[in-house]
Protein backbone atom coordinates (compact mmCIF):
# COMPACT_ATOMS: atom_id res chain seq x y z
CA MET A 1 -0.05 -0.01 -0.04
CA MET A 2 2.86 2.34 0.55
CA ARG A 3 4.76 4.13 -2.12
CA LYS A 4 7.73 6.43 -2.33
CA GLU A 5 7.67 9.86 -3.79
CA GLN A 6 7.18 9.76 -7.49
CA PRO A 7 8.62 12.09 -10.25
CA ASN A 8 6.47 15.07 -10.83
CA GLN A 9 5.31 14.04 -14.27
CA ALA A 10 4.21 10.67 -12.97
CA ARG A 11 2.06 11.86 -10.09
CA SER A 12 -1.71 11.28 -10.19
CA ILE A 13 -4.21 10.86 -7.22
CA SER A 14 -6.65 8.10 -7.40
CA SER A 15 -10.27 8.58 -6.79
CA TRP A 16 -10.30 6.50 -3.72
CA MET A 17 -7.40 8.20 -2.06
CA MET A 18 -9.04 11.56 -2.84
CA VAL A 19 -12.23 10.49 -1.20
CA LEU A 20 -10.29 9.12 1.80
CA LEU A 21 -8.28 12.37 2.25
CA ALA A 22 -11.43 14.49 1.95
CA ALA A 23 -13.24 12.33 4.52
CA ALA A 24 -10.23 12.45 6.82
CA CYS A 25 -9.94 16.09 6.73
CA GLY A 26 -13.62 16.60 7.46
CA LEU A 27 -13.48 14.28 10.45
CA ILE A 28 -10.26 15.85 11.87
CA VAL A 29 -11.29 19.53 11.37
CA ALA A 30 -14.72 18.90 12.82
CA ASN A 31 -13.08 18.71 16.18
CA LEU A 32 -12.49 22.49 16.19
CA TYR A 33 -16.21 23.17 15.82
CA TYR A 34 -18.26 20.72 18.01
CA ALA A 35 -18.15 23.10 20.81
CA GLN A 36 -19.34 26.06 18.93
CA THR A 37 -23.15 25.38 19.19
CA LEU A 38 -22.62 23.94 22.67
CA VAL A 39 -21.35 26.96 24.37
CA GLY A 40 -24.33 27.23 26.65
CA PRO A 41 -24.44 23.73 28.18
CA ILE A 42 -20.53 23.54 28.30
CA CYS A 43 -20.33 26.84 30.19
CA ASP A 44 -23.02 25.68 32.62
CA ALA A 45 -21.21 22.41 33.26
CA ILE A 46 -17.62 23.82 33.78
CA GLY A 47 -18.46 27.04 35.41
CA LEU A 48 -17.64 29.69 32.60
CA THR A 49 -19.43 32.96 32.65
CA SER A 50 -21.35 34.13 29.59
CA THR A 51 -18.78 36.93 29.05
CA ALA A 52 -16.00 34.33 28.79
CA ALA A 53 -17.97 31.87 26.73
CA GLY A 54 -16.13 32.94 23.49
CA LEU A 55 -13.06 31.44 25.02
CA ILE A 56 -14.29 27.96 24.25
CA VAL A 57 -14.07 28.44 20.53
CA THR A 58 -11.13 31.08 20.67
CA VAL A 59 -8.74 28.87 22.60
CA THR A 60 -9.29 25.94 20.16
CA GLN A 61 -8.54 28.22 17.28
CA ILE A 62 -5.43 29.68 19.01
CA GLY A 63 -4.25 26.05 19.42
CA TYR A 64 -4.87 25.51 15.63
CA VAL A 65 -2.77 28.66 14.82
CA VAL A 66 0.03 27.40 17.05
CA GLY A 67 -0.06 24.06 15.30
CA LEU A 68 -0.06 25.69 11.87
CA LEU A 69 3.02 27.75 12.69
CA PHE A 70 5.03 25.23 14.51
CA ILE A 71 3.82 21.64 13.37
CA VAL A 72 2.77 22.09 9.79
CA PRO A 73 6.19 23.36 8.61
CA LEU A 74 7.56 20.05 9.75
CA SER A 75 5.77 18.43 6.76
CA ASP A 76 8.42 19.99 4.64
CA VAL A 77 11.30 18.19 6.56
CA ILE A 78 10.06 14.94 8.06
CA GLU A 79 8.05 11.94 6.69
CA ASN A 80 4.36 13.02 6.43
CA ARG A 81 2.63 9.77 7.35
CA ARG A 82 4.60 9.58 10.58
CA LEU A 83 3.82 13.22 11.50
CA THR A 84 0.22 12.55 10.63
CA VAL A 85 -0.15 9.63 13.05
CA PHE A 86 1.60 11.35 15.96
CA MET A 87 -0.48 14.48 15.80
CA LEU A 88 -3.73 12.39 15.61
CA LEU A 89 -2.76 10.65 18.88
CA VAL A 90 -2.36 14.13 20.45
CA ALA A 91 -5.84 15.02 19.26
CA ILE A 92 -7.37 11.74 20.61
CA ALA A 93 -5.82 12.39 24.04
CA ALA A 94 -7.09 15.91 24.13
CA LEU A 95 -10.63 14.87 23.02
CA LEU A 96 -10.73 12.37 25.90
CA THR A 97 -9.48 15.04 28.45
CA ALA A 98 -12.27 17.58 27.27
CA ALA A 99 -14.86 14.80 27.50
CA PHE A 100 -14.02 14.07 31.21
CA ALA A 101 -12.91 17.58 32.23
CA PRO A 102 -14.31 18.56 35.60
CA ASN A 103 -13.54 22.36 35.40
CA ALA A 104 -12.94 25.26 33.00
CA SER A 105 -9.13 25.23 33.19
CA LEU A 106 -8.72 21.61 32.29
CA PHE A 107 -11.34 21.93 29.48
CA LEU A 108 -9.64 24.92 27.97
CA ILE A 109 -6.16 23.33 28.13
CA ALA A 110 -7.78 20.29 26.40
CA SER A 111 -9.33 22.60 23.90
CA LEU A 112 -5.83 24.10 23.08
CA PHE A 113 -4.52 20.69 22.24
CA ILE A 114 -7.48 19.80 20.28
CA GLY A 115 -6.63 22.66 17.98
CA ILE A 116 -2.99 21.71 17.88
CA GLY A 117 -3.68 18.07 16.93
CA SER A 118 -6.18 18.94 14.39
CA VAL A 119 -3.50 20.64 12.15
CA VAL A 120 -3.16 17.20 10.51
CA ALA A 121 -5.88 18.40 8.18
CA GLN A 122 -3.60 21.04 6.88
CA ILE A 123 -0.88 18.36 6.33
CA LEU A 124 -3.30 16.15 4.33
CA VAL A 125 -4.56 19.01 2.09
CA PRO A 126 -1.17 19.89 0.71
CA PHE A 127 -0.30 16.26 0.54
CA ALA A 128 -3.30 15.81 -1.76
CA ALA A 129 -2.02 18.75 -3.89
CA TYR A 130 1.38 17.03 -4.02
CA LEU A 131 -0.09 13.75 -5.26
CA ALA A 132 -2.11 15.57 -8.01
CA SER A 133 -0.95 16.66 -11.38
CA GLU A 134 -0.83 20.27 -12.26
CA VAL A 135 -3.77 20.09 -14.53
CA GLN A 136 -5.90 18.37 -11.87
CA ARG A 137 -4.71 20.37 -8.76
CA GLY A 138 -7.64 22.75 -8.64
CA ARG A 139 -10.24 19.93 -8.88
CA VAL A 140 -8.36 17.78 -6.25
CA VAL A 141 -7.87 20.68 -3.79
CA GLY A 142 -11.61 21.57 -4.32
CA ASN A 143 -12.79 17.98 -3.58
CA VAL A 144 -10.55 17.68 -0.55
CA MET A 145 -11.57 20.96 0.80
CA SER A 146 -15.21 20.04 0.19
CA GLY A 147 -14.66 17.16 2.71
CA LEU A 148 -12.91 19.62 5.12
CA LEU A 149 -15.65 22.19 4.82
CA LEU A 150 -18.52 19.54 5.24
CA GLY A 151 -16.66 18.50 8.45
CA ILE A 152 -16.66 22.06 9.56
CA MET A 153 -20.42 22.51 8.73
CA PHE A 154 -21.74 19.02 9.87
CA ALA A 155 -19.83 19.47 13.14
CA ARG A 156 -22.30 21.97 14.61
CA PRO A 157 -25.49 20.21 13.81
CA LEU A 158 -23.94 16.77 14.73
CA ALA A 159 -22.84 18.10 18.12
CA SER A 160 -26.31 19.63 18.85
CA PHE A 161 -28.09 16.37 17.90
CA ILE A 162 -25.86 14.23 19.93
CA THR A 163 -25.99 16.64 23.05
CA SER A 164 -29.77 16.50 22.79
CA LEU A 165 -29.72 12.78 23.20
CA TRP A 166 -26.74 11.99 25.64
CA GLY A 167 -25.27 15.44 26.76
CA TRP A 168 -22.34 17.43 25.47
CA ARG A 169 -19.65 15.22 26.70
CA ALA A 170 -20.68 12.35 24.36
CA ILE A 171 -19.73 14.20 21.18
CA PHE A 172 -16.05 14.33 22.39
CA ILE A 173 -16.04 10.59 23.33
CA LEU A 174 -17.42 9.65 19.93
CA SER A 175 -14.97 11.75 18.11
CA ALA A 176 -12.14 10.21 19.95
CA ILE A 177 -13.30 6.70 18.80
CA VAL A 178 -13.73 7.89 15.25
CA ILE A 179 -10.25 9.55 15.06
CA SER A 180 -8.57 6.43 16.61
CA LEU A 181 -10.08 4.25 13.81
CA LEU A 182 -9.04 6.96 11.27
CA THR A 183 -5.52 6.94 12.58
CA ALA A 184 -5.24 3.20 12.18
CA LEU A 185 -6.44 3.43 8.58
CA LEU A 186 -4.19 6.33 7.53
CA SER A 187 -1.14 4.62 9.08
CA TYR A 188 -1.67 1.70 6.71
CA VAL A 189 -2.80 3.22 3.46
CA LEU A 190 -1.25 6.65 3.21
CA PRO A 191 1.66 6.92 0.67
CA GLU A 192 5.01 7.56 2.11
CA ARG A 193 6.31 11.01 1.50
CA LYS A 194 9.74 11.94 2.85
CA PRO A 195 10.65 15.36 1.78
CA THR A 196 14.35 16.23 1.33
CA PRO A 197 15.02 18.74 4.07
CA MET A 198 16.89 21.91 2.94
CA VAL A 199 17.26 23.43 6.36
CA ARG A 200 16.97 22.51 9.92
CA TYR A 201 13.82 23.02 12.00
CA GLY A 202 14.99 26.21 13.72
CA LYS A 203 15.92 27.85 10.32
CA LEU A 204 12.79 26.37 8.82
CA ILE A 205 10.67 28.34 11.41
CA LEU A 206 12.70 31.50 11.02
CA SER A 207 12.17 31.15 7.28
CA LEU A 208 8.36 31.75 7.72
CA GLY A 209 8.99 35.51 8.15
CA ALA A 210 11.06 35.65 4.90
CA ILE A 211 8.48 33.74 3.03
CA LEU A 212 5.79 35.95 4.17
CA GLN A 213 7.65 39.08 3.32
CA GLN A 214 8.65 37.81 -0.10
CA THR A 215 5.32 36.43 -1.15
CA PRO A 216 2.72 39.06 -1.80
CA ALA A 217 0.10 36.66 -2.98
CA LEU A 218 0.29 34.80 0.24
CA ARG A 219 -0.16 37.94 2.24
CA ARG A 220 -3.04 39.10 0.18
CA ARG A 221 -4.92 35.82 0.10
CA ALA A 222 -4.44 35.32 3.87
CA LEU A 223 -5.83 38.64 4.72
CA TYR A 224 -8.81 38.15 2.46
CA GLN A 225 -9.65 34.97 4.05
CA ALA A 226 -8.92 36.21 7.54
CA CYS A 227 -11.60 38.86 7.28
CA LEU A 228 -14.19 36.43 5.82
CA PHE A 229 -13.39 33.74 8.34
CA GLY A 230 -13.53 36.31 11.21
CA ALA A 231 -17.05 37.12 10.07
CA PHE A 232 -17.88 33.38 9.68
CA SER A 233 -16.56 32.67 13.20
CA LEU A 234 -18.40 35.60 14.82
CA PHE A 235 -21.61 34.47 13.18
CA TRP A 236 -21.36 30.76 14.35
CA THR A 237 -20.18 31.67 17.85
CA VAL A 238 -23.14 33.99 18.48
CA VAL A 239 -26.06 32.70 16.43
CA PRO A 240 -26.80 29.72 18.62
CA ILE A 241 -27.15 31.93 21.59
CA HIS A 242 -29.20 34.50 19.59
CA LEU A 243 -31.47 31.82 18.39
CA ALA A 244 -31.99 30.41 21.95
CA ASP A 245 -32.42 33.79 23.55
CA ASN A 246 -34.54 35.52 20.95
CA PHE A 247 -36.35 32.85 19.08
CA GLY A 248 -36.76 30.30 21.81
CA MET A 249 -34.91 27.52 19.89
CA SER A 250 -33.94 24.25 21.70
CA GLN A 251 -30.57 22.53 21.06
CA ARG A 252 -32.21 20.38 18.51
CA GLY A 253 -33.68 23.37 16.66
CA ILE A 254 -30.32 24.96 16.53
CA ALA A 255 -28.98 21.80 15.09
CA TRP A 256 -31.48 21.94 12.29
CA PHE A 257 -30.51 25.57 11.74
CA ALA A 258 -26.83 24.56 11.57
CA LEU A 259 -27.52 22.12 8.87
CA VAL A 260 -28.30 24.96 6.51
CA GLY A 261 -24.66 25.94 6.36
CA VAL A 262 -23.69 22.47 5.04
CA GLY A 263 -25.26 23.56 1.75
CA GLY A 264 -22.48 26.34 1.46
CA ALA A 265 -19.92 23.51 0.86
CA ILE A 266 -21.16 23.16 -2.77
CA ALA A 267 -19.15 26.28 -3.53
CA ALA A 268 -15.73 24.55 -2.97
CA PRO A 269 -15.65 22.13 -5.88
CA ILE A 270 -17.21 24.68 -8.12
CA ALA A 271 -14.84 27.34 -7.22
CA GLY A 272 -11.92 24.96 -7.72
CA ARG A 273 -13.02 24.04 -11.28
CA LEU A 274 -13.58 27.72 -12.11
CA ALA A 275 -10.16 28.61 -10.70
CA ASP A 276 -8.54 26.07 -12.99
CA LYS A 277 -9.97 28.10 -15.77
CA GLY A 278 -8.53 31.39 -14.60
CA TRP A 279 -11.57 32.94 -12.86
CA GLY A 280 -9.82 33.15 -9.56
CA LYS A 281 -9.57 36.80 -9.10
CA TRP A 282 -13.14 37.62 -10.04
CA LEU A 283 -14.61 34.93 -7.91
CA THR A 284 -12.62 36.38 -4.94
CA GLY A 285 -14.34 39.76 -5.33
CA LEU A 286 -17.74 38.06 -5.65
CA ALA A 287 -17.14 35.90 -2.53
CA ILE A 288 -16.15 39.15 -0.53
CA ILE A 289 -19.26 41.02 -1.65
CA VAL A 290 -21.61 38.08 -1.02
CA ALA A 291 -20.13 37.70 2.58
CA ALA A 292 -20.65 41.37 3.25
CA LEU A 293 -24.27 41.38 1.93
CA SER A 294 -25.05 38.27 3.98
CA PHE A 295 -24.28 40.22 7.24
CA LEU A 296 -25.74 43.54 5.94
CA LEU A 297 -29.09 41.73 5.29
CA ILE A 298 -29.43 40.60 8.85
CA HIS A 299 -28.12 43.93 10.37
CA LEU A 300 -30.75 46.01 8.47
CA PHE A 301 -33.71 43.71 9.11
CA GLN A 302 -33.61 42.99 12.79
CA SER A 303 -36.72 41.76 14.70
CA TYR A 304 -37.90 38.49 16.29
CA SER A 305 -40.37 37.73 13.39
CA THR A 306 -40.57 34.83 11.03
CA LEU A 307 -39.01 36.94 8.27
CA ALA A 308 -35.97 37.77 10.48
CA LEU A 309 -35.58 34.07 11.07
CA ILE A 310 -35.83 33.31 7.44
CA LEU A 311 -33.10 35.96 6.71
CA LEU A 312 -30.89 34.32 9.25
CA PHE A 313 -31.21 31.05 7.34
CA VAL A 314 -30.37 32.74 4.01
CA SER A 315 -27.38 34.55 5.40
CA ALA A 316 -26.06 31.39 7.08
CA PHE A 317 -26.14 29.65 3.56
CA THR A 318 -24.64 32.54 1.55
CA LEU A 319 -21.95 33.33 4.14
CA ASP A 320 -20.80 29.77 4.33
CA MET A 321 -20.76 29.58 0.54
CA ALA A 322 -18.64 32.74 0.15
CA VAL A 323 -16.06 31.61 2.78
CA SER A 324 -15.81 28.03 1.37
CA GLY A 325 -15.53 29.16 -2.19
CA ASN A 326 -12.84 31.73 -1.49
CA LEU A 327 -10.84 29.30 0.63
CA VAL A 328 -10.46 26.82 -2.20
CA ILE A 329 -9.48 29.62 -4.73
CA SER A 330 -6.87 30.89 -2.27
CA GLN A 331 -5.40 27.41 -1.48
CA ARG A 332 -5.21 26.50 -5.22
CA ALA A 333 -3.12 29.76 -5.71
CA ILE A 334 -0.86 29.12 -2.78
CA TYR A 335 -0.14 25.59 -3.61
CA SER A 336 1.08 26.71 -7.00
CA LEU A 337 3.78 29.00 -5.54
CA GLY A 338 6.17 26.24 -4.90
CA SER A 339 6.32 22.50 -3.95
CA GLU A 340 9.40 22.70 -1.51
CA ALA A 341 7.84 25.24 0.82
CA ARG A 342 4.25 24.02 0.28
CA GLY A 343 3.90 23.07 4.01
CA ARG A 344 5.16 26.37 5.18
CA LEU A 345 3.10 28.35 2.70
CA ASN A 346 -0.01 26.47 3.77
CA GLY A 347 0.82 26.86 7.39
CA LEU A 348 1.32 30.66 7.08
CA PHE A 349 -1.90 31.07 5.11
CA MET A 350 -4.06 28.98 7.53
CA SER A 351 -2.53 30.51 10.64
CA ILE A 352 -3.17 34.00 9.54
CA PHE A 353 -6.83 33.24 8.52
CA PHE A 354 -7.56 31.22 11.63
CA ALA A 355 -6.17 33.98 13.70
CA GLY A 356 -8.89 36.12 12.03
CA GLY A 357 -11.33 33.37 13.02
CA ALA A 358 -10.04 33.61 16.66
CA ILE A 359 -10.50 37.33 16.63
CA GLY A 360 -14.05 36.96 15.15
CA SER A 361 -15.08 34.47 17.83
CA PHE A 362 -13.76 36.76 20.64
CA LEU A 363 -15.45 39.83 19.16
CA GLY A 364 -18.78 37.74 18.80
CA GLY A 365 -18.84 37.00 22.52
CA TRP A 366 -17.81 40.50 23.49
CA SER A 367 -20.11 42.38 21.13
CA TYR A 368 -23.14 40.18 21.91
CA THR A 369 -22.62 40.68 25.69
CA HIS A 370 -22.24 44.52 25.43
CA GLY A 371 -24.30 45.45 22.48
CA GLY A 372 -26.58 42.53 21.51
CA TRP A 373 -27.22 41.20 18.02
CA LYS A 374 -27.23 44.85 16.62
CA LEU A 375 -23.58 45.35 17.49
CA THR A 376 -22.51 41.77 16.49
CA SER A 377 -24.14 42.00 13.05
CA LEU A 378 -22.54 45.40 12.42
CA ILE A 379 -19.11 44.12 13.21
CA GLY A 380 -19.87 41.10 11.04
CA THR A 381 -20.65 43.51 8.20
CA ILE A 382 -17.46 45.49 8.65
CA LEU A 383 -15.11 42.54 8.53
CA PRO A 384 -15.85 41.48 4.84
CA LEU A 385 -15.98 45.26 3.87
CA LEU A 386 -12.39 45.57 5.07
CA ALA A 387 -11.44 42.66 2.72
CA LEU A 388 -13.30 44.41 -0.10
CA VAL A 389 -11.42 47.81 0.25
CA TYR A 390 -8.09 45.70 0.15
CA PHE A 391 -9.36 43.87 -2.90
CA PHE A 392 -9.69 47.18 -4.79
CA THR A 393 -6.04 47.93 -4.11
CA GLU A 394 -5.16 44.84 -6.03
CA LYS A 395 -3.25 45.51 -9.34
CA ARG A 396 -4.92 44.78 -12.54
CA MET A 397 -3.78 41.49 -14.06
CA THR A 398 -3.00 41.22 -17.70
CA ARG A 399 -4.03 37.62 -17.64
CA VAL A 400 -6.42 36.24 -15.15
CA GLY A 401 -5.47 32.76 -14.38
CA THR A 402 -1.75 33.28 -13.95
CA ASP A 403 -2.63 34.84 -10.71
CA SER A 404 -1.62 31.84 -8.64
CA LYS A 405 1.99 33.07 -8.99
CA MET A 406 1.19 36.71 -8.86
CA GLN A 407 -0.35 39.05 -6.37
CA GLY A 408 -4.01 38.74 -7.00
CA SER A 409 -4.55 35.01 -7.78
């Protein structure tokens, strides 16, 4: 089942491997989001105040950023399968700790390591790009990212449904079991990929600053996605509380609402295929505008009516679609910048935009406590508008589609 690195021209990813990597990414990254719709019951159980509720999501995302900066770059220097298995074992231990944590301190520490362990998803996505040929890279990344995004979006309703049946601790126990089985499978079927290390780990980490400085396409793409993901995280951190407080929804009702976001994942493979045809730049502008309009819609029409609830459903779908579509376009562009530093490029990109998500989660908890849904939706509107202003500074490309190696991609 194992195979060595192949020459570039011989690489081609099989359909079953692409499906496996997509499913693995979804199952792994879902661990970051199980707690997002469970903030209320978790806070009650471990003794966190409503003001500090945003920490449950923020700490996990901080752990993910730490892993992206210090673990993902290792995929450029050590064998990827071994690194994958080790980090999944970390995630399993953290999930079990969170499941049985008796207090807030231990739960938040476990959440930090859940985030760190879950960076395996960002080792597997560039691995899929490595296995793919140049002509199929956008499609492959789009399909694998669809699995990752479905994991993100299904995590919320799945966690709510399971909590309504067996309590919030059950989702962490169930996930630990699933990830254990996945670890065994991946250790057996993953191809061997042992990169040729050009520098030692210390220099590798120090090189991140130089890569960020010398790669304007990376900076631009990361900042676009940080603003969009900040709005996304703000929305999904606060909307479960908003639905419970102002629309009287139960945990099961919130789960049905969260299922709406799953539909947004359809944008990922479509965006990947269109990016292969050179539409990346224009789709980015469209995604940013859609995200801004999604929040503007629910900011302008605020009430506790059926119409307001319908608009929340619409915004959940369109916001998730904008974020998932732009993510695939951005990753396709970044993976085309160079194969030797692909792990570091991906780690920098993901750490910057997840930092945006952590900020969005924190702002969501803070704004809802101090200004209610009105202030929260205003901040959610501003975040993608900041990305739009930055987008308008982008230099005009002479050829849209070569942007994967240029500033605008």
